[in-house]
Amino acid sequence: MNRYKLLFDDYVTELDRARTFTEAWWQRLLDQELAGGHTPEQAEEAVRRRWPMGPTSHPRVLAVYRRFYIACEGLNEEVMAAQARRTREAEERGHAGWGVEDPPDAAASDDDGWGDEWQVDPPGLLVDALFGRRDDLGEFMARMVFAPIGEEDGRSV
């Protein structure tokens, strides 16, 4: 199994746990508002004023996303280094451009479209790839309206 698929599988496991936790947290917030005499609609509105993305905005979900975003970037750096090494070796042998394959066709892949030789966009892995594999988590993460990633000295933090 390739490294992007392993990373994705670990991400799904952690994200599923975080979602379970944060949905319970969200329900407790709503219950507090309901206990204060609000209607369900008023409770939702009151809680969303503080947490506009709903349960997805909980720091636990953001931490999972950030950790795997940075891990995906690290894997991309390894893939880029391997690509550069292969290109350099081909140039040294006088075969620059020969034997370099195009990215694999996802539909033809035996590993569900995952490839170790080509970089994967972190948001593509962490949100887009959920759809069709774990639609429930895809819908959950689609509520995230910003990427909780910063940059320091050219690196994601």
N, C-alpha and C. Protein backbone atom coordinates (compact mmCIF):
# COMPACT_ATOMS: atom_id res chain seq x y z
N MET A 1 0.85 -1.17 0.00
CA MET A 1 0.00 0.00 0.00
C MET A 1 0.90 1.24 0.00
N ASN A 2 0.51 2.28 -0.71
CA ASN A 2 1.41 3.42 -0.79
C ASN A 2 1.24 4.39 0.37
N ARG A 3 2.19 5.29 0.48
CA ARG A 3 2.26 6.17 1.65
C ARG A 3 1.12 7.18 1.72
N TYR A 4 0.64 7.68 0.58
CA TYR A 4 -0.49 8.61 0.61
C TYR A 4 -1.75 7.91 1.09
N LYS A 5 -1.94 6.69 0.67
CA LYS A 5 -3.12 5.93 1.10
C LYS A 5 -3.04 5.64 2.60
N LEU A 6 -1.86 5.29 3.09
CA LEU A 6 -1.68 5.06 4.52
C LEU A 6 -1.95 6.34 5.31
N LEU A 7 -1.44 7.46 4.81
CA LEU A 7 -1.67 8.75 5.47
C LEU A 7 -3.16 9.06 5.49
N PHE A 8 -3.82 8.86 4.38
CA PHE A 8 -5.26 9.11 4.29
C PHE A 8 -6.03 8.22 5.27
N ASP A 9 -5.69 6.95 5.32
CA ASP A 9 -6.39 6.04 6.23
C ASP A 9 -6.21 6.45 7.69
N ASP A 10 -5.00 6.85 8.06
CA ASP A 10 -4.76 7.33 9.43
C ASP A 10 -5.56 8.60 9.70
N TYR A 11 -5.60 9.49 8.71
CA TYR A 11 -6.36 10.73 8.83
C TYR A 11 -7.85 10.44 9.04
N VAL A 12 -8.41 9.54 8.26
CA VAL A 12 -9.82 9.19 8.38
C VAL A 12 -10.12 8.66 9.78
N THR A 13 -9.25 7.81 10.29
CA THR A 13 -9.45 7.26 11.64
C THR A 13 -9.47 8.38 12.68
N GLU A 14 -8.49 9.26 12.62
CA GLU A 14 -8.42 10.35 13.61
C GLU A 14 -9.54 11.35 13.42
N LEU A 15 -9.87 11.66 12.18
CA LEU A 15 -10.95 12.62 11.91
C LEU A 15 -12.28 12.07 12.38
N ASP A 16 -12.51 10.79 12.19
CA ASP A 16 -13.76 10.17 12.64
C ASP A 16 -13.89 10.28 14.16
N ARG A 17 -12.80 10.04 14.87
CA ARG A 17 -12.81 10.18 16.34
C ARG A 17 -13.08 11.62 16.74
N ALA A 18 -12.40 12.55 16.06
CA ALA A 18 -12.59 13.97 16.38
C ALA A 18 -14.02 14.40 16.09
N ARG A 19 -14.59 13.91 15.00
CA ARG A 19 -15.96 14.28 14.67
C ARG A 19 -16.92 13.77 15.74
N THR A 20 -16.76 12.54 16.17
CA THR A 20 -17.62 11.98 17.22
C THR A 20 -17.54 12.85 18.47
N PHE A 21 -16.33 13.20 18.87
CA PHE A 21 -16.13 14.03 20.05
C PHE A 21 -16.77 15.40 19.88
N THR A 22 -16.52 16.04 18.74
CA THR A 22 -17.00 17.42 18.56
C THR A 22 -18.50 17.51 18.31
N GLU A 23 -19.08 16.47 17.74
CA GLU A 23 -20.54 16.49 17.59
C GLU A 23 -21.22 16.37 18.95
N ALA A 24 -20.64 15.60 19.86
CA ALA A 24 -21.17 15.52 21.23
C ALA A 24 -21.00 16.86 21.93
N TRP A 25 -19.84 17.49 21.75
CA TRP A 25 -19.59 18.83 22.31
C TRP A 25 -20.62 19.83 21.77
N TRP A 26 -20.85 19.77 20.47
CA TRP A 26 -21.81 20.68 19.84
C TRP A 26 -23.22 20.48 20.43
N GLN A 27 -23.59 19.24 20.61
CA GLN A 27 -24.92 18.96 21.16
C GLN A 27 -25.03 19.50 22.59
N ARG A 28 -23.96 19.40 23.37
CA ARG A 28 -23.98 19.95 24.73
C ARG A 28 -24.17 21.47 24.69
N LEU A 29 -23.52 22.14 23.75
CA LEU A 29 -23.71 23.59 23.61
C LEU A 29 -25.15 23.93 23.26
N LEU A 30 -25.73 23.18 22.35
CA LEU A 30 -27.13 23.40 21.98
C LEU A 30 -28.05 23.13 23.16
N ASP A 31 -27.77 22.06 23.89
CA ASP A 31 -28.60 21.71 25.04
C ASP A 31 -28.57 22.81 26.10
N GLN A 32 -27.41 23.44 26.30
CA GLN A 32 -27.32 24.54 27.25
C GLN A 32 -28.22 25.70 26.83
N GLU A 33 -28.23 25.99 25.55
CA GLU A 33 -29.09 27.07 25.05
C GLU A 33 -30.56 26.70 25.16
N LEU A 34 -30.88 25.46 24.88
CA LEU A 34 -32.27 25.00 25.00
C LEU A 34 -32.73 25.07 26.45
N ALA A 35 -31.84 24.70 27.37
CA ALA A 35 -32.17 24.76 28.80
C ALA A 35 -32.39 26.20 29.25
N GLY A 36 -31.82 27.14 28.54
CA GLY A 36 -32.01 28.56 28.86
C GLY A 36 -33.29 29.13 28.27
N GLY A 37 -34.09 28.28 27.64
CA GLY A 37 -35.37 28.74 27.13
C GLY A 37 -35.42 29.06 25.65
N HIS A 38 -34.33 28.84 24.95
CA HIS A 38 -34.32 29.12 23.51
C HIS A 38 -35.02 28.01 22.73
N THR A 39 -35.56 28.36 21.58
CA THR A 39 -36.09 27.36 20.65
C THR A 39 -34.88 26.69 19.99
N PRO A 40 -35.08 25.56 19.33
CA PRO A 40 -33.95 24.93 18.63
C PRO A 40 -33.29 25.87 17.62
N GLU A 41 -34.08 26.65 16.90
CA GLU A 41 -33.51 27.58 15.92
C GLU A 41 -32.69 28.67 16.62
N GLN A 42 -33.21 29.20 17.72
CA GLN A 42 -32.48 30.22 18.47
C GLN A 42 -31.21 29.65 19.08
N ALA A 43 -31.28 28.42 19.55
CA ALA A 43 -30.10 27.76 20.14
C ALA A 43 -29.02 27.62 19.08
N GLU A 44 -29.41 27.15 17.89
CA GLU A 44 -28.45 26.99 16.80
C GLU A 44 -27.82 28.34 16.44
N GLU A 45 -28.64 29.35 16.33
CA GLU A 45 -28.13 30.69 15.98
C GLU A 45 -27.18 31.22 17.05
N ALA A 46 -27.54 31.03 18.31
CA ALA A 46 -26.69 31.52 19.41
C ALA A 46 -25.33 30.82 19.41
N VAL A 47 -25.32 29.51 19.22
CA VAL A 47 -24.07 28.77 19.26
C VAL A 47 -23.22 29.09 18.02
N ARG A 48 -23.87 29.24 16.88
CA ARG A 48 -23.13 29.54 15.64
C ARG A 48 -22.53 30.95 15.64
N ARG A 49 -23.05 31.84 16.47
CA ARG A 49 -22.40 33.16 16.57
C ARG A 49 -20.97 33.02 17.08
N ARG A 50 -20.76 32.07 17.95
CA ARG A 50 -19.41 31.85 18.48
C ARG A 50 -18.63 30.84 17.63
N TRP A 51 -19.30 29.83 17.11
CA TRP A 51 -18.65 28.75 16.36
C TRP A 51 -19.33 28.64 14.98
N PRO A 52 -19.03 29.55 14.07
CA PRO A 52 -19.77 29.60 12.79
C PRO A 52 -19.65 28.35 11.91
N MET A 53 -18.60 27.58 12.04
CA MET A 53 -18.45 26.36 11.22
C MET A 53 -19.02 25.14 11.93
N GLY A 54 -19.71 25.35 13.03
CA GLY A 54 -20.29 24.21 13.75
C GLY A 54 -19.21 23.35 14.38
N PRO A 55 -19.46 22.06 14.51
CA PRO A 55 -18.50 21.17 15.17
C PRO A 55 -17.13 21.14 14.47
N THR A 56 -17.12 21.46 13.18
CA THR A 56 -15.86 21.46 12.44
C THR A 56 -14.89 22.52 12.96
N SER A 57 -15.42 23.55 13.62
CA SER A 57 -14.55 24.62 14.10
C SER A 57 -13.88 24.31 15.44
N HIS A 58 -14.15 23.16 16.01
CA HIS A 58 -13.53 22.80 17.29
C HIS A 58 -12.02 22.64 17.10
N PRO A 59 -11.22 23.09 18.05
CA PRO A 59 -9.76 22.96 17.94
C PRO A 59 -9.27 21.53 17.71
N ARG A 60 -10.00 20.56 18.18
CA ARG A 60 -9.57 19.16 17.98
C ARG A 60 -9.62 18.79 16.49
N VAL A 61 -10.66 19.22 15.79
CA VAL A 61 -10.76 18.96 14.35
C VAL A 61 -9.67 19.72 13.61
N LEU A 62 -9.48 20.99 13.99
CA LEU A 62 -8.46 21.80 13.34
C LEU A 62 -7.07 21.20 13.55
N ALA A 63 -6.82 20.66 14.73
CA ALA A 63 -5.52 20.04 15.01
C ALA A 63 -5.29 18.80 14.14
N VAL A 64 -6.32 17.99 13.96
CA VAL A 64 -6.19 16.81 13.09
C VAL A 64 -5.88 17.25 11.67
N TYR A 65 -6.65 18.22 11.17
CA TYR A 65 -6.44 18.70 9.81
C TYR A 65 -5.01 19.23 9.65
N ARG A 66 -4.57 20.08 10.58
CA ARG A 66 -3.23 20.67 10.50
C ARG A 66 -2.14 19.61 10.52
N ARG A 67 -2.27 18.65 11.43
CA ARG A 67 -1.24 17.61 11.55
C ARG A 67 -1.11 16.83 10.24
N PHE A 68 -2.22 16.48 9.63
CA PHE A 68 -2.15 15.69 8.41
C PHE A 68 -1.83 16.55 7.19
N TYR A 69 -2.18 17.81 7.22
CA TYR A 69 -1.78 18.72 6.14
C TYR A 69 -0.26 18.81 6.09
N ILE A 70 0.34 19.02 7.26
CA ILE A 70 1.80 19.14 7.35
C ILE A 70 2.46 17.80 7.01
N ALA A 71 1.87 16.69 7.41
CA ALA A 71 2.42 15.37 7.06
C ALA A 71 2.36 15.14 5.55
N CYS A 72 1.28 15.58 4.91
CA CYS A 72 1.16 15.44 3.46
C CYS A 72 2.22 16.29 2.76
N GLU A 73 2.44 17.49 3.26
CA GLU A 73 3.49 18.32 2.67
C GLU A 73 4.86 17.67 2.83
N GLY A 74 5.10 17.07 3.98
CA GLY A 74 6.37 16.37 4.20
C GLY A 74 6.54 15.21 3.23
N LEU A 75 5.48 14.47 3.01
CA LEU A 75 5.53 13.37 2.05
C LEU A 75 5.76 13.91 0.65
N ASN A 76 5.12 15.03 0.32
CA ASN A 76 5.34 15.65 -0.99
C ASN A 76 6.80 16.05 -1.17
N GLU A 77 7.43 16.56 -0.11
CA GLU A 77 8.85 16.92 -0.19
C GLU A 77 9.71 15.68 -0.47
N GLU A 78 9.37 14.56 0.17
CA GLU A 78 10.10 13.32 -0.09
C GLU A 78 9.93 12.88 -1.54
N VAL A 79 8.70 12.99 -2.05
CA VAL A 79 8.41 12.60 -3.43
C VAL A 79 9.17 13.51 -4.39
N MET A 80 9.18 14.83 -4.12
CA MET A 80 9.91 15.77 -4.97
C MET A 80 11.40 15.46 -4.98
N ALA A 81 11.94 15.15 -3.81
CA ALA A 81 13.37 14.82 -3.73
C ALA A 81 13.67 13.56 -4.53
N ALA A 82 12.80 12.57 -4.45
CA ALA A 82 13.00 11.33 -5.21
C ALA A 82 12.90 11.60 -6.71
N GLN A 83 11.96 12.46 -7.11
CA GLN A 83 11.82 12.82 -8.52
C GLN A 83 13.08 13.53 -9.01
N ALA A 84 13.58 14.46 -8.20
CA ALA A 84 14.78 15.21 -8.58
C ALA A 84 15.98 14.27 -8.70
N ARG A 85 16.07 13.31 -7.77
CA ARG A 85 17.16 12.34 -7.82
C ARG A 85 17.09 11.50 -9.09
N ARG A 86 15.89 11.03 -9.43
CA ARG A 86 15.73 10.23 -10.65
C ARG A 86 16.08 11.04 -11.90
N THR A 87 15.66 12.30 -11.92
CA THR A 87 15.96 13.17 -13.06
C THR A 87 17.47 13.39 -13.17
N ARG A 88 18.09 13.66 -12.04
CA ARG A 88 19.55 13.88 -12.02
C ARG A 88 20.28 12.64 -12.49
N GLU A 89 19.85 11.47 -12.03
CA GLU A 89 20.49 10.22 -12.44
C GLU A 89 20.30 9.98 -13.93
N ALA A 90 19.11 10.30 -14.46
CA ALA A 90 18.85 10.13 -15.89
C ALA A 90 19.73 11.08 -16.70
N GLU A 91 19.89 12.31 -16.21
CA GLU A 91 20.75 13.28 -16.91
C GLU A 91 22.20 12.81 -16.90
N GLU A 92 22.62 12.25 -15.78
CA GLU A 92 24.00 11.75 -15.69
C GLU A 92 24.24 10.59 -16.65
N ARG A 93 23.21 9.80 -16.90
CA ARG A 93 23.33 8.68 -17.84
C ARG A 93 23.09 9.15 -19.27
N GLY A 94 22.71 10.43 -19.44
CA GLY A 94 22.44 10.95 -20.78
C GLY A 94 21.07 10.55 -21.30
N HIS A 95 20.15 10.23 -20.37
CA HIS A 95 18.82 9.80 -20.78
C HIS A 95 17.75 10.77 -20.28
N ALA A 96 18.05 12.03 -20.16
CA ALA A 96 17.08 12.99 -19.62
C ALA A 96 15.80 12.94 -20.43
N GLY A 97 14.70 12.79 -19.73
CA GLY A 97 13.40 12.75 -20.37
C GLY A 97 12.94 11.38 -20.80
N TRP A 98 13.84 10.41 -20.84
CA TRP A 98 13.46 9.06 -21.24
C TRP A 98 13.06 8.27 -20.00
N GLY A 99 12.01 7.51 -20.12
CA GLY A 99 11.59 6.65 -19.03
C GLY A 99 10.84 7.37 -17.94
N VAL A 100 10.54 8.65 -18.13
CA VAL A 100 9.75 9.38 -17.15
C VAL A 100 8.30 9.20 -17.53
N GLU A 101 7.53 8.64 -16.63
CA GLU A 101 6.14 8.34 -16.93
C GLU A 101 5.23 9.49 -16.53
N ASP A 102 4.07 9.56 -17.19
CA ASP A 102 3.03 10.50 -16.81
C ASP A 102 2.40 10.02 -15.52
N PRO A 103 1.71 10.93 -14.79
CA PRO A 103 1.01 10.47 -13.58
C PRO A 103 0.04 9.34 -13.92
N PRO A 104 -0.12 8.39 -13.02
CA PRO A 104 -0.99 7.26 -13.32
C PRO A 104 -2.43 7.70 -13.47
N ASP A 105 -3.16 7.00 -14.33
CA ASP A 105 -4.58 7.24 -14.51
C ASP A 105 -5.29 6.65 -13.30
N ALA A 106 -6.00 7.50 -12.55
CA ALA A 106 -6.64 7.05 -11.32
C ALA A 106 -7.63 5.92 -11.59
N ALA A 107 -8.33 5.96 -12.71
CA ALA A 107 -9.31 4.93 -13.01
C ALA A 107 -8.64 3.59 -13.28
N ALA A 108 -7.42 3.62 -13.79
CA ALA A 108 -6.73 2.38 -14.14
C ALA A 108 -5.87 1.85 -12.99
N SER A 109 -5.77 2.58 -11.92
CA SER A 109 -4.90 2.19 -10.82
C SER A 109 -5.46 1.01 -10.04
N ASP A 110 -4.57 0.15 -9.60
CA ASP A 110 -4.97 -0.97 -8.75
C ASP A 110 -5.13 -0.52 -7.30
N ASP A 111 -4.67 0.70 -6.98
CA ASP A 111 -4.66 1.16 -5.60
C ASP A 111 -5.60 2.35 -5.40
N ASP A 112 -6.71 2.37 -6.09
CA ASP A 112 -7.75 3.38 -5.90
C ASP A 112 -7.26 4.80 -6.18
N GLY A 113 -6.35 4.95 -7.15
CA GLY A 113 -5.93 6.27 -7.57
C GLY A 113 -4.81 6.89 -6.76
N TRP A 114 -4.22 6.15 -5.85
CA TRP A 114 -3.14 6.68 -5.05
C TRP A 114 -1.82 6.35 -5.74
N GLY A 115 -0.92 7.33 -5.77
CA GLY A 115 0.38 7.07 -6.38
C GLY A 115 1.49 7.64 -5.55
N ASP A 116 2.54 6.89 -5.35
CA ASP A 116 3.67 7.34 -4.55
C ASP A 116 4.64 8.22 -5.33
N GLU A 117 4.48 8.27 -6.65
CA GLU A 117 5.47 8.99 -7.44
C GLU A 117 5.02 10.40 -7.80
N TRP A 118 3.84 10.80 -7.39
CA TRP A 118 3.32 12.10 -7.76
C TRP A 118 2.79 12.78 -6.52
N GLN A 119 3.03 14.07 -6.41
CA GLN A 119 2.59 14.82 -5.25
C GLN A 119 1.08 14.91 -5.18
N VAL A 120 0.57 15.05 -3.95
CA VAL A 120 -0.85 15.19 -3.70
C VAL A 120 -1.07 16.51 -2.99
N ASP A 121 -2.00 17.30 -3.50
CA ASP A 121 -2.36 18.57 -2.87
C ASP A 121 -2.99 18.27 -1.51
N PRO A 122 -2.48 18.84 -0.41
CA PRO A 122 -3.02 18.50 0.90
C PRO A 122 -4.54 18.69 1.02
N PRO A 123 -5.13 19.83 0.59
CA PRO A 123 -6.59 19.91 0.69
C PRO A 123 -7.30 18.85 -0.16
N GLY A 124 -6.69 18.48 -1.26
CA GLY A 124 -7.27 17.41 -2.08
C GLY A 124 -7.31 16.10 -1.33
N LEU A 125 -6.26 15.81 -0.57
CA LEU A 125 -6.20 14.59 0.22
C LEU A 125 -7.13 14.66 1.42
N LEU A 126 -7.18 15.81 2.08
CA LEU A 126 -7.86 15.93 3.37
C LEU A 126 -9.34 16.28 3.27
N VAL A 127 -9.78 16.77 2.14
CA VAL A 127 -11.20 17.08 1.97
C VAL A 127 -11.75 16.38 0.73
N ASP A 128 -11.21 16.70 -0.42
CA ASP A 128 -11.76 16.18 -1.67
C ASP A 128 -11.76 14.65 -1.72
N ALA A 129 -10.70 14.02 -1.25
CA ALA A 129 -10.59 12.56 -1.32
C ALA A 129 -11.59 11.85 -0.41
N LEU A 130 -12.17 12.58 0.54
CA LEU A 130 -13.17 11.96 1.41
C LEU A 130 -14.43 11.59 0.63
N PHE A 131 -14.78 12.44 -0.34
CA PHE A 131 -16.00 12.19 -1.11
C PHE A 131 -15.80 10.97 -1.99
N GLY A 132 -16.75 10.08 -1.92
CA GLY A 132 -16.65 8.82 -2.65
C GLY A 132 -15.98 7.73 -1.83
N ARG A 133 -15.32 8.12 -0.75
CA ARG A 133 -14.68 7.14 0.13
C ARG A 133 -15.35 7.18 1.51
N ARG A 134 -15.52 8.39 2.03
CA ARG A 134 -16.21 8.61 3.31
C ARG A 134 -17.02 9.90 3.17
N ASP A 135 -18.14 9.80 2.48
CA ASP A 135 -18.97 10.97 2.23
C ASP A 135 -19.40 11.68 3.51
N ASP A 136 -19.64 10.91 4.58
CA ASP A 136 -20.05 11.53 5.84
C ASP A 136 -18.97 12.48 6.35
N LEU A 137 -17.72 12.07 6.27
CA LEU A 137 -16.62 12.94 6.70
C LEU A 137 -16.39 14.06 5.69
N GLY A 138 -16.62 13.79 4.42
CA GLY A 138 -16.51 14.83 3.40
C GLY A 138 -17.50 15.95 3.66
N GLU A 139 -18.73 15.61 3.97
CA GLU A 139 -19.75 16.62 4.28
C GLU A 139 -19.37 17.38 5.55
N PHE A 140 -18.85 16.68 6.51
CA PHE A 140 -18.42 17.31 7.76
C PHE A 140 -17.31 18.33 7.49
N MET A 141 -16.30 17.94 6.71
CA MET A 141 -15.17 18.83 6.45
C MET A 141 -15.51 19.93 5.44
N ALA A 142 -16.54 19.74 4.65
CA ALA A 142 -16.94 20.78 3.69
C ALA A 142 -17.39 22.04 4.42
N ARG A 143 -17.72 21.93 5.68
CA ARG A 143 -18.12 23.10 6.48
C ARG A 143 -16.92 23.96 6.88
N MET A 144 -15.73 23.43 6.71
CA MET A 144 -14.53 24.21 7.05
C MET A 144 -14.32 25.23 5.93
N VAL A 145 -14.46 26.49 6.28
CA VAL A 145 -14.42 27.55 5.27
C VAL A 145 -13.06 28.23 5.17
N PHE A 146 -12.10 27.78 5.94
CA PHE A 146 -10.75 28.32 5.86
C PHE A 146 -9.77 27.20 6.19
N ALA A 147 -8.56 27.36 5.71
CA ALA A 147 -7.52 26.39 6.02
C ALA A 147 -6.74 26.89 7.23
N PRO A 148 -6.74 26.15 8.32
CA PRO A 148 -6.05 26.58 9.54
C PRO A 148 -4.54 26.35 9.46
N ILE A 149 -3.95 26.85 8.38
CA ILE A 149 -2.53 26.64 8.13
C ILE A 149 -1.88 28.01 7.96
N GLY A 150 -0.78 28.20 8.61
CA GLY A 150 0.00 29.42 8.42
C GLY A 150 1.33 29.05 7.79
N GLU A 151 2.13 30.07 7.53
CA GLU A 151 3.44 29.82 6.94
C GLU A 151 4.48 30.61 7.71
N GLU A 152 5.60 29.95 7.97
CA GLU A 152 6.71 30.58 8.66
C GLU A 152 7.98 30.11 7.99
N ASP A 153 8.78 31.05 7.52
CA ASP A 153 10.02 30.71 6.83
C ASP A 153 9.79 29.73 5.67
N GLY A 154 8.68 29.92 4.94
CA GLY A 154 8.40 29.10 3.79
C GLY A 154 7.85 27.72 4.10
N ARG A 155 7.56 27.43 5.36
CA ARG A 155 7.04 26.11 5.77
C ARG A 155 5.67 26.29 6.40
N SER A 156 4.82 25.32 6.19
CA SER A 156 3.49 25.36 6.81
C SER A 156 3.62 25.12 8.30
N VAL A 157 2.84 25.86 9.04
CA VAL A 157 2.80 25.70 10.50
C VAL A 157 1.36 25.72 10.97
